[in-house]
Amino acid sequence: MAPLLEKLFGRKPPASPASPRFDSLCAQAASAAEASDFDRSVNLYDEAIALNPAHAEVYYRRGNALRNAGQTDAAVASYNQAIDIMPGYAHAYCNRGVAQQALGLRGAALSSYDRAIELDPSDAMAHYNRALLMQELSRWDDALASYNRAIQIDPQFADAQYNRSVALLYQGEFASGWRAYEWRWKNAQRLSIGPLRKFTQPRWLGEEPIAGKRLLLYSEAGLGDTLQFCRYAKLCAELGAVVILEVAPPLRGLLQNLAGVSQLVIAGSPLPPFDYHCRVMSLPLAFKTTLGSIPSAPRYLNSDPDRVERWRTALGVRTRPRVGLAWSGNPNNPLDLRRSIALSAWAAQLPRDFQYYRLQKDIRDSDREALERNAFITSFDDELLDFDNTAALCDCMDVIVSVDTSVAHLSAALGRRTWLLLPASPDWRWLQDRTDSPWYPSVTLYRQKNAGDWQEVFGRIAADLREQLPA
């Protein structure tokens, strides 16, 4: 989901006469904000306001600087001051909504967006931010209506186009969703999906015959994305293509024998000759994937039997059911605050009748103490350096319980029983109002019933562990 966007500049409202000193302070404050020195920007705007306390735009811009400085409550107050001076200041309402939404004041944010739209119906940004709020509230039809309005006003509004695609995919509207999903590359850096790579060879999106052609498939940013969509390599090979798959180094061993792949290349290595290229997450578009045609299989990845046997020996005789755990993912993921869970909160809810094993490679500093304190969770700090070993360990588990991260995709692609904890508004690939996944037959989805409430989810997990895996 692309971030909320604020209006950086409002229309110049009426104000009392300025002065050269006032103009200079405002110019310096704007320059400081452009340089991301938001604290200095706020201080300069304060000096300007002392000279001219009836200038709505200065309060508005000061609100922008405060919000970017992390002083969100103060930003709301500054926008309120701008609105008190100029009640018809549409952009101030819009940005107040952004700040209110960041504070979790969703009802107030909706009122602000609606008022901004009432004052300026042609403001694509206000419609866009309203759509993001509707999406956050899982009001998907309303979200789509607002995205559509923003795009109608500005057809090149890349964030609105991308987030509209997410809403469509979440609702299973794949025909239009995959095509719109290509807009992600207009803001690739902000979405953390890596740079748009430019090749002289043409991109393949399913239109040209590829029998006898060398087709390069390559990953985007997420390891989980690669694990989910590498399944399409087999379909490409069935069309007669010679498939070259480029992957991140941690996936080298796991994917070296993937069905359909003729040559595996490690990212950063020289590429062999090829005729066409396609990003792995564009493959559903190339194959015109619908809900009914998802290439689902009980298991399409395999672990190394020798590694599995070594793990079984290391784990010893099974005396209790084995549960693999992954409670956090990449902190740079835009959805991480909603999907990752502090280990201290998680561990307190785990029934002690089972043997637990940490499956995630990286541990956040904030979780290390909790891991040391909860010795019933076995941790292998030096063993999970690549996905080969993690896959083999997954194959020794009775169930894997994970948040939405690459471990969950790995476990599911291996066909292991996987219980996935999801926030109330999860990533689009898990679809709407389902407890199963058409992408992975072995997955059961545990969704939050109320945003931010993991305790109820933990309760269901604990009950199902006791019922389905009796010790």
Protein backbone atom coordinates (compact mmCIF):
# COMPACT_ATOMS: atom_id res chain seq x y z
CA MET A 1 0.00 0.00 0.00
CA ALA A 2 1.49 3.33 -1.01
CA PRO A 3 1.64 5.89 1.80
CA LEU A 4 -0.75 8.69 2.58
CA LEU A 5 0.22 11.79 0.69
CA GLU A 6 -0.02 15.31 2.01
CA LYS A 7 -0.68 18.44 0.02
CA LEU A 8 2.58 20.32 0.16
CA PHE A 9 1.27 23.65 -0.98
CA GLY A 10 -2.12 25.18 -0.48
CA ARG A 11 -3.76 27.89 -2.47
CA LYS A 12 -2.61 31.25 -1.14
CA PRO A 13 -5.26 32.32 1.40
CA PRO A 14 -6.01 35.92 2.26
CA ALA A 15 -3.67 37.19 4.96
CA SER A 16 -2.69 40.33 6.70
CA PRO A 17 0.13 42.33 5.08
CA ALA A 18 3.47 40.58 5.19
CA SER A 19 6.94 42.03 5.61
CA PRO A 20 10.37 41.30 4.15
CA ARG A 21 11.37 39.60 7.42
CA PHE A 22 8.18 37.46 7.37
CA ASP A 23 8.76 36.46 3.73
CA SER A 24 12.38 35.58 4.47
CA LEU A 25 11.43 33.37 7.43
CA CYS A 26 8.81 31.53 5.35
CA ALA A 27 11.31 30.98 2.53
CA GLN A 28 13.93 29.67 4.97
CA ALA A 29 11.36 27.39 6.61
CA ALA A 30 10.33 25.96 3.24
CA SER A 31 13.97 25.34 2.33
CA ALA A 32 14.58 23.59 5.65
CA ALA A 33 11.56 21.36 5.05
CA GLU A 34 12.81 20.48 1.56
CA ALA A 35 16.13 19.48 3.18
CA SER A 36 14.19 17.32 5.69
CA ASP A 37 15.31 19.54 8.58
CA PHE A 38 11.78 19.65 9.95
CA ASP A 39 12.61 20.82 13.47
CA ARG A 40 14.34 23.91 12.09
CA SER A 41 11.45 24.43 9.69
CA VAL A 42 8.98 24.43 12.60
CA ASN A 43 11.07 26.94 14.55
CA LEU A 44 11.25 29.27 11.57
CA TYR A 45 7.51 29.04 10.99
CA ASP A 46 7.00 29.87 14.68
CA GLU A 47 9.04 33.03 14.21
CA ALA A 48 7.00 33.91 11.12
CA ILE A 49 3.73 33.37 13.01
CA ALA A 50 4.94 35.70 15.78
CA LEU A 51 5.21 38.41 13.12
CA ASN A 52 1.92 37.58 11.39
CA PRO A 53 -0.41 35.41 13.50
CA ALA A 54 -3.33 35.69 11.04
CA HIS A 55 -1.67 33.94 8.07
CA ALA A 56 -3.46 30.63 7.48
CA GLU A 57 -0.89 29.21 5.07
CA VAL A 58 1.94 29.47 7.58
CA TYR A 59 -0.02 27.39 10.09
CA TYR A 60 -0.75 24.93 7.29
CA ARG A 61 2.89 24.57 6.28
CA ARG A 62 3.95 24.46 9.92
CA GLY A 63 1.48 21.54 10.32
CA ASN A 64 3.21 19.73 7.43
CA ALA A 65 6.61 20.24 9.06
CA LEU A 66 5.33 19.10 12.46
CA ARG A 67 3.84 15.94 10.98
CA ASN A 68 7.08 15.11 9.22
CA ALA A 69 8.96 15.75 12.45
CA GLY A 70 6.80 13.13 14.16
CA GLN A 71 4.81 15.67 16.20
CA THR A 72 1.46 14.52 14.86
CA ASP A 73 -0.76 15.90 17.64
CA ALA A 74 0.83 19.31 17.24
CA ALA A 75 0.35 19.06 13.48
CA VAL A 76 -3.40 18.57 13.94
CA ALA A 77 -3.48 21.64 16.17
CA SER A 78 -1.62 23.68 13.56
CA TYR A 79 -4.03 22.60 10.79
CA ASN A 80 -6.91 23.56 13.09
CA GLN A 81 -5.44 27.04 13.46
CA ALA A 82 -5.19 27.36 9.67
CA ILE A 83 -8.84 26.28 9.35
CA ASP A 84 -9.97 28.71 12.08
CA ILE A 85 -8.43 31.56 10.11
CA MET A 86 -9.70 30.27 6.75
CA PRO A 87 -12.68 27.87 7.13
CA GLY A 88 -12.66 27.07 3.40
CA TYR A 89 -9.02 25.89 3.34
CA ALA A 90 -9.48 22.52 1.60
CA HIS A 91 -5.84 21.46 1.69
CA ALA A 92 -5.64 22.04 5.43
CA TYR A 93 -8.61 19.70 5.90
CA CYS A 94 -6.94 17.09 3.69
CA ASN A 95 -3.64 17.16 5.57
CA ARG A 96 -5.41 17.25 8.91
CA GLY A 97 -7.03 14.00 7.84
CA VAL A 98 -3.59 12.51 7.12
CA ALA A 99 -2.42 13.43 10.63
CA GLN A 100 -5.63 12.22 12.27
CA GLN A 101 -5.40 8.91 10.46
CA ALA A 102 -1.82 8.48 11.63
CA LEU A 103 -3.10 8.96 15.19
CA GLY A 104 -5.76 6.28 14.68
CA LEU A 105 -8.57 8.85 14.71
CA ARG A 106 -10.31 7.32 11.73
CA GLY A 107 -13.71 8.90 12.20
CA ALA A 108 -12.18 12.34 12.49
CA ALA A 109 -9.95 11.67 9.48
CA LEU A 110 -12.94 10.66 7.37
CA SER A 111 -14.73 13.88 8.33
CA SER A 112 -11.65 15.89 7.33
CA TYR A 113 -11.34 14.17 3.96
CA ASP A 114 -15.05 14.55 3.24
CA ARG A 115 -14.90 18.25 4.08
CA ALA A 116 -11.83 18.71 1.86
CA ILE A 117 -13.67 17.03 -1.02
CA GLU A 118 -16.78 19.11 -0.39
CA LEU A 119 -14.68 22.26 -0.63
CA ASP A 120 -12.63 21.09 -3.63
CA PRO A 121 -14.19 18.10 -5.47
CA SER A 122 -11.39 18.18 -8.04
CA ASP A 123 -8.62 17.45 -5.52
CA ALA A 124 -7.36 13.98 -6.52
CA MET A 125 -5.19 13.78 -3.40
CA ALA A 126 -8.14 14.10 -1.04
CA HIS A 127 -10.00 11.33 -2.86
CA TYR A 128 -6.87 9.19 -2.76
CA ASN A 129 -6.29 9.64 0.97
CA ARG A 130 -9.95 8.92 1.63
CA ALA A 131 -9.60 5.70 -0.38
CA LEU A 132 -6.62 4.62 1.74
CA LEU A 133 -8.69 5.17 4.87
CA MET A 134 -11.56 3.12 3.43
CA GLN A 135 -9.06 0.38 2.59
CA GLU A 136 -7.71 0.48 6.14
CA LEU A 137 -11.29 0.06 7.38
CA SER A 138 -11.84 -2.84 4.93
CA ARG A 139 -14.56 -0.84 3.19
CA TRP A 140 -13.35 -2.01 -0.19
CA ASP A 141 -16.22 -0.82 -2.37
CA ASP A 142 -15.88 2.68 -0.93
CA ALA A 143 -12.12 2.50 -1.41
CA LEU A 144 -12.50 1.59 -5.07
CA ALA A 145 -15.00 4.39 -5.63
CA SER A 146 -12.56 6.94 -4.17
CA TYR A 147 -9.60 5.55 -6.12
CA ASN A 148 -11.66 5.68 -9.31
CA ARG A 149 -12.56 9.30 -8.64
CA ALA A 150 -8.91 10.23 -8.00
CA ILE A 151 -7.87 8.52 -11.24
CA GLN A 152 -10.70 10.15 -13.17
CA ILE A 153 -9.32 13.52 -12.05
CA ASP A 154 -5.68 12.54 -12.69
CA PRO A 155 -5.19 9.42 -14.86
CA GLN A 156 -1.42 9.52 -14.25
CA PHE A 157 -1.78 9.39 -10.45
CA ALA A 158 0.49 6.38 -9.97
CA ASP A 159 -0.20 5.84 -6.27
CA ALA A 160 -3.93 5.81 -6.84
CA GLN A 161 -3.57 3.43 -9.80
CA TYR A 162 -1.37 1.07 -7.78
CA ASN A 163 -3.54 1.05 -4.68
CA ARG A 164 -6.64 0.55 -6.81
CA SER A 165 -4.96 -2.58 -8.14
CA VAL A 166 -4.36 -3.80 -4.59
CA ALA A 167 -8.04 -3.30 -3.76
CA LEU A 168 -9.09 -5.18 -6.91
CA LEU A 169 -6.73 -8.09 -6.23
CA TYR A 170 -7.81 -8.30 -2.59
CA GLN A 171 -11.39 -8.78 -3.76
CA GLY A 172 -10.37 -11.39 -6.31
CA GLU A 173 -10.94 -9.11 -9.31
CA PHE A 174 -7.88 -10.49 -11.04
CA ALA A 175 -8.74 -9.62 -14.66
CA SER A 176 -8.44 -5.89 -14.03
CA GLY A 177 -6.22 -6.16 -10.95
CA TRP A 178 -3.15 -7.72 -12.56
CA ARG A 179 -3.03 -5.14 -15.32
CA ALA A 180 -3.36 -2.23 -12.90
CA TYR A 181 -0.72 -3.83 -10.64
CA GLU A 182 1.92 -2.91 -13.22
CA TRP A 183 1.61 0.69 -11.97
CA ARG A 184 3.78 -0.36 -9.01
CA TRP A 185 6.83 0.44 -11.11
CA LYS A 186 5.98 4.13 -11.30
CA ASN A 187 6.91 4.40 -7.60
CA ALA A 188 9.22 1.43 -7.22
CA GLN A 189 11.62 3.11 -4.81
CA ARG A 190 8.93 4.16 -2.34
CA LEU A 191 7.30 0.74 -2.51
CA SER A 192 10.68 -0.91 -1.79
CA ILE A 193 10.45 -3.31 -4.74
CA GLY A 194 13.82 -2.49 -6.25
CA PRO A 195 14.69 -0.50 -9.37
CA LEU A 196 12.95 -0.91 -12.70
CA ARG A 197 15.46 -2.84 -14.78
CA LYS A 198 15.91 -1.87 -18.39
CA PHE A 199 16.80 -4.46 -20.98
CA THR A 200 17.14 -4.16 -24.74
CA GLN A 201 15.18 -7.40 -25.06
CA PRO A 202 11.38 -7.08 -25.01
CA ARG A 203 9.27 -7.74 -21.94
CA TRP A 204 7.01 -10.78 -22.16
CA LEU A 205 3.49 -10.52 -20.77
CA GLY A 206 1.97 -13.53 -22.47
CA GLU A 207 1.28 -12.06 -25.89
CA GLU A 208 4.17 -13.47 -27.96
CA PRO A 209 4.84 -17.20 -28.53
CA ILE A 210 7.91 -18.28 -26.55
CA ALA A 211 8.45 -21.82 -27.79
CA GLY A 212 12.18 -22.21 -28.31
CA LYS A 213 12.88 -18.77 -26.80
CA ARG A 214 15.09 -18.07 -23.80
CA LEU A 215 12.95 -16.38 -21.14
CA LEU A 216 14.53 -14.58 -18.19
CA LEU A 217 12.40 -14.53 -15.04
CA TYR A 218 13.67 -12.33 -12.22
CA SER A 219 12.62 -11.37 -8.74
CA GLU A 220 11.50 -8.12 -7.24
CA ALA A 221 12.34 -7.24 -3.64
CA GLY A 222 10.65 -9.79 -1.42
CA LEU A 223 11.90 -13.35 -0.96
CA GLY A 224 8.33 -14.37 -0.19
CA ASP A 225 7.21 -12.96 -3.54
CA THR A 226 9.76 -15.13 -5.33
CA LEU A 227 8.71 -18.21 -3.38
CA GLN A 228 5.06 -17.63 -4.22
CA PHE A 229 5.37 -16.87 -7.93
CA CYS A 230 8.30 -19.06 -8.97
CA ARG A 231 5.65 -21.76 -9.53
CA TYR A 232 4.98 -20.12 -12.90
CA ALA A 233 8.38 -21.25 -14.24
CA LYS A 234 6.87 -24.65 -14.96
CA LEU A 235 4.02 -23.07 -16.97
CA CYS A 236 6.53 -21.08 -19.01
CA ALA A 237 8.49 -24.24 -19.76
CA GLU A 238 5.27 -25.97 -20.82
CA LEU A 239 4.89 -23.24 -23.46
CA GLY A 240 8.25 -24.33 -24.83
CA ALA A 241 10.45 -21.64 -23.28
CA VAL A 242 13.96 -22.22 -22.01
CA VAL A 243 13.54 -20.68 -18.56
CA ILE A 244 16.34 -18.76 -16.88
CA LEU A 245 15.49 -17.82 -13.28
CA GLU A 246 17.45 -15.12 -11.43
CA VAL A 247 17.08 -15.25 -7.63
CA ALA A 248 18.57 -13.71 -4.50
CA PRO A 249 21.52 -15.64 -2.97
CA PRO A 250 19.56 -17.09 -0.01
CA LEU A 251 17.30 -18.95 -2.47
CA ARG A 252 20.10 -20.50 -4.53
CA GLY A 253 20.03 -24.02 -3.12
CA LEU A 254 16.30 -24.24 -2.57
CA LEU A 255 15.36 -23.29 -6.14
CA GLN A 256 18.17 -24.95 -8.07
CA ASN A 257 15.93 -27.90 -8.96
CA LEU A 258 12.68 -25.98 -9.40
CA ALA A 259 10.43 -27.57 -12.00
CA GLY A 260 10.63 -25.79 -15.34
CA VAL A 261 13.92 -23.97 -14.74
CA SER A 262 16.73 -24.70 -17.16
CA GLN A 263 19.28 -22.32 -15.63
CA LEU A 264 19.46 -20.64 -12.24
CA VAL A 265 21.35 -17.35 -11.95
CA ILE A 266 22.24 -15.57 -8.72
CA ALA A 267 21.35 -11.89 -8.60
CA GLY A 268 24.43 -9.80 -9.33
CA SER A 269 26.02 -12.41 -11.57
CA PRO A 270 26.34 -11.86 -15.34
CA LEU A 271 23.18 -12.81 -17.19
CA PRO A 272 23.27 -15.36 -20.02
CA PRO A 273 21.75 -14.48 -23.39
CA PHE A 274 17.94 -14.32 -23.42
CA ASP A 275 15.15 -13.33 -25.81
CA TYR A 276 12.44 -12.10 -23.46
CA HIS A 277 12.19 -11.12 -19.81
CA CYS A 278 9.42 -11.00 -17.20
CA ARG A 279 9.30 -10.15 -13.52
CA VAL A 280 7.97 -13.03 -11.43
CA MET A 281 5.10 -10.95 -10.04
CA SER A 282 4.00 -10.07 -13.57
CA LEU A 283 3.58 -13.75 -14.46
CA PRO A 284 -0.04 -13.92 -13.24
CA LEU A 285 -0.79 -11.14 -15.74
CA ALA A 286 1.05 -12.99 -18.49
CA PHE A 287 -1.02 -16.13 -17.83
CA LYS A 288 -4.27 -14.19 -17.29
CA THR A 289 -4.65 -15.87 -13.91
CA THR A 290 -8.13 -15.94 -12.40
CA LEU A 291 -9.26 -17.29 -9.04
CA GLY A 292 -10.18 -20.50 -10.82
CA SER A 293 -6.90 -20.88 -12.70
CA ILE A 294 -4.34 -20.23 -9.94
CA PRO A 295 -1.59 -22.83 -10.49
CA SER A 296 -2.01 -24.36 -7.05
CA ALA A 297 -0.25 -27.55 -6.02
CA PRO A 298 0.03 -29.35 -2.67
CA ARG A 299 3.81 -28.99 -2.85
CA TYR A 300 5.97 -27.39 -5.53
CA LEU A 301 9.22 -26.94 -3.57
CA ASN A 302 11.30 -29.68 -2.01
CA SER A 303 13.87 -29.67 0.74
CA ASP A 304 17.15 -31.58 0.63
CA PRO A 305 16.56 -35.09 2.07
CA ASP A 306 20.06 -35.20 3.57
CA ARG A 307 19.47 -31.90 5.39
CA VAL A 308 16.11 -33.15 6.64
CA GLU A 309 17.76 -36.25 8.04
CA ARG A 310 20.45 -34.18 9.76
CA TRP A 311 17.74 -32.05 11.39
CA ARG A 312 15.83 -35.11 12.55
CA THR A 313 18.97 -36.44 14.16
CA ALA A 314 19.72 -33.07 15.79
CA LEU A 315 16.17 -32.71 17.14
CA GLY A 316 16.20 -36.18 18.67
CA VAL A 317 13.27 -38.36 19.58
CA ARG A 318 9.90 -36.63 19.19
CA THR A 319 8.18 -36.49 22.59
CA ARG A 320 5.71 -33.68 21.87
CA PRO A 321 4.26 -32.10 18.71
CA ARG A 322 6.72 -29.76 17.03
CA VAL A 323 5.63 -26.22 16.18
CA GLY A 324 7.74 -23.88 14.04
CA LEU A 325 7.43 -20.15 14.76
CA ALA A 326 8.03 -16.94 12.80
CA TRP A 327 6.71 -13.81 14.51
CA SER A 328 8.33 -10.97 12.53
CA GLY A 329 9.52 -10.17 9.03
CA ASN A 330 11.53 -7.52 7.24
CA PRO A 331 11.15 -4.28 9.25
CA ASN A 332 11.44 -2.27 6.01
CA ASN A 333 8.27 -3.77 4.59
CA PRO A 334 5.57 -1.07 4.38
CA LEU A 335 3.09 -3.40 6.10
CA ASP A 336 5.46 -4.50 8.86
CA LEU A 337 3.87 -2.54 11.70
CA ARG A 338 0.62 -4.37 11.08
CA ARG A 339 1.97 -7.86 10.44
CA SER A 340 4.90 -8.40 12.87
CA ILE A 341 4.32 -9.16 16.53
CA ALA A 342 6.58 -8.69 19.54
CA LEU A 343 7.81 -12.07 20.75
CA SER A 344 6.96 -11.17 24.36
CA ALA A 345 3.27 -10.84 23.44
CA TRP A 346 3.36 -14.01 21.35
CA ALA A 347 5.23 -16.23 23.84
CA ALA A 348 2.88 -15.46 26.69
CA GLN A 349 -0.01 -17.03 24.76
CA LEU A 350 1.66 -20.25 23.60
CA PRO A 351 0.46 -23.46 25.31
CA ARG A 352 3.37 -25.19 27.00
CA ASP A 353 2.32 -28.68 25.83
CA PHE A 354 4.35 -28.42 22.62
CA GLN A 355 7.94 -28.06 21.53
CA TYR A 356 8.54 -24.77 19.71
CA TYR A 357 11.29 -23.95 17.25
CA ARG A 358 12.29 -20.58 15.88
CA LEU A 359 12.26 -20.63 12.08
CA GLN A 360 13.08 -17.00 11.27
CA LYS A 361 16.69 -16.13 10.63
CA ASP A 362 16.82 -12.56 11.95
CA ILE A 363 15.97 -11.51 15.49
CA ARG A 364 15.24 -7.91 16.38
CA ASP A 365 17.03 -6.43 19.35
CA SER A 366 13.66 -5.89 21.03
CA ASP A 367 12.95 -9.65 20.86
CA ARG A 368 16.29 -11.02 22.09
CA GLU A 369 15.49 -10.69 25.78
CA ALA A 370 12.11 -12.36 25.28
CA LEU A 371 13.76 -15.22 23.41
CA GLU A 372 16.27 -15.73 26.22
CA ARG A 373 13.50 -15.55 28.82
CA ASN A 374 11.33 -18.15 27.06
CA ALA A 375 13.64 -21.13 26.94
CA PHE A 376 10.83 -23.41 25.76
CA ILE A 377 11.40 -21.91 22.26
CA THR A 378 14.44 -23.62 20.76
CA SER A 379 16.60 -21.32 18.68
CA PHE A 380 19.27 -22.16 16.11
CA ASP A 381 21.26 -18.98 15.69
CA ASP A 382 23.98 -20.37 13.43
CA GLU A 383 21.99 -22.89 11.39
CA LEU A 384 19.39 -20.85 9.48
CA LEU A 385 21.75 -19.00 7.18
CA ASP A 386 19.98 -20.06 3.97
CA PHE A 387 16.57 -21.29 2.93
CA ASP A 388 17.87 -24.83 2.33
CA ASN A 389 18.32 -25.40 6.04
CA THR A 390 15.11 -23.59 6.95
CA ALA A 391 13.16 -25.69 4.44
CA ALA A 392 14.58 -28.89 5.88
CA LEU A 393 13.69 -27.78 9.41
CA CYS A 394 10.15 -26.94 8.23
CA ASP A 395 9.83 -30.53 7.01
CA CYS A 396 10.47 -31.71 10.57
CA MET A 397 7.59 -29.66 12.03
CA ASP A 398 3.99 -30.76 12.63
CA VAL A 399 2.74 -27.23 12.00
CA ILE A 400 4.28 -23.85 11.21
CA VAL A 401 2.69 -20.82 12.85
CA SER A 402 3.82 -17.59 11.21
CA VAL A 403 3.03 -14.00 10.45
CA ASP A 404 2.97 -12.94 6.79
CA THR A 405 6.63 -13.30 5.91
CA SER A 406 8.88 -15.42 3.71
CA VAL A 407 8.87 -18.32 6.19
CA ALA A 408 5.13 -18.68 5.68
CA HIS A 409 5.55 -18.81 1.89
CA LEU A 410 8.38 -21.31 2.25
CA SER A 411 6.40 -23.59 4.52
CA ALA A 412 3.29 -23.40 2.34
CA ALA A 413 5.24 -24.05 -0.88
CA LEU A 414 6.68 -27.15 0.81
CA GLY A 415 3.13 -28.31 1.49
CA ARG A 416 3.58 -28.15 5.26
CA ARG A 417 0.62 -27.37 7.48
CA THR A 418 0.88 -23.60 7.88
CA TRP A 419 -1.18 -21.36 10.15
CA LEU A 420 -0.87 -17.76 9.07
CA LEU A 421 -1.67 -14.83 11.38
CA LEU A 422 -3.04 -11.86 9.47
CA PRO A 423 -3.91 -8.29 10.45
CA ALA A 424 -7.45 -7.03 9.91
CA SER A 425 -6.37 -5.42 6.63
CA PRO A 426 -3.74 -7.83 5.25
CA ASP A 427 -1.76 -8.03 2.05
CA TRP A 428 -3.87 -8.46 -1.07
CA ARG A 429 -2.72 -12.00 -1.83
CA TRP A 430 -4.71 -13.45 1.07
CA LEU A 431 -7.98 -12.18 -0.41
CA GLN A 432 -11.09 -11.13 1.44
CA ASP A 433 -12.94 -12.98 4.21
CA ARG A 434 -11.28 -16.36 3.68
CA THR A 435 -9.75 -18.86 6.10
CA ASP A 436 -8.09 -20.76 3.26
CA SER A 437 -5.83 -19.74 0.38
CA PRO A 438 -6.28 -20.77 -3.26
CA TRP A 439 -2.53 -20.22 -3.66
CA TYR A 440 -1.57 -22.71 -0.95
CA PRO A 441 -3.77 -25.72 -0.07
CA SER A 442 -1.94 -26.34 3.22
CA VAL A 443 -2.54 -22.84 4.65
CA THR A 444 -5.12 -21.82 7.24
CA LEU A 445 -5.63 -18.09 7.73
CA TYR A 446 -6.21 -16.58 11.18
CA ARG A 447 -7.39 -13.01 10.64
CA GLN A 448 -7.74 -10.31 13.26
CA LYS A 449 -11.40 -9.63 13.93
CA ASN A 450 -10.52 -6.17 15.21
CA ALA A 451 -7.60 -4.11 13.96
CA GLY A 452 -4.59 -4.42 16.26
CA ASP A 453 -6.10 -7.18 18.44
CA TRP A 454 -3.75 -10.16 18.33
CA GLN A 455 -4.92 -11.59 21.67
CA GLU A 456 -8.09 -13.03 20.18
CA VAL A 457 -6.05 -14.54 17.33
CA PHE A 458 -3.62 -16.08 19.84
CA GLY A 459 -6.59 -17.61 21.64
CA ARG A 460 -7.81 -19.34 18.48
CA ILE A 461 -4.31 -20.55 17.67
CA ALA A 462 -3.87 -22.01 21.16
CA ALA A 463 -7.26 -23.74 21.05
CA ASP A 464 -6.54 -25.26 17.64
CA LEU A 465 -3.10 -26.45 18.72
CA ARG A 466 -4.65 -28.32 21.63
CA GLU A 467 -7.49 -29.72 19.51
CA GLN A 468 -5.60 -30.68 16.37
CA LEU A 469 -2.21 -31.61 17.80
CA PRO A 470 -2.97 -33.28 21.12
CA ALA A 471 0.21 -33.72 23.14
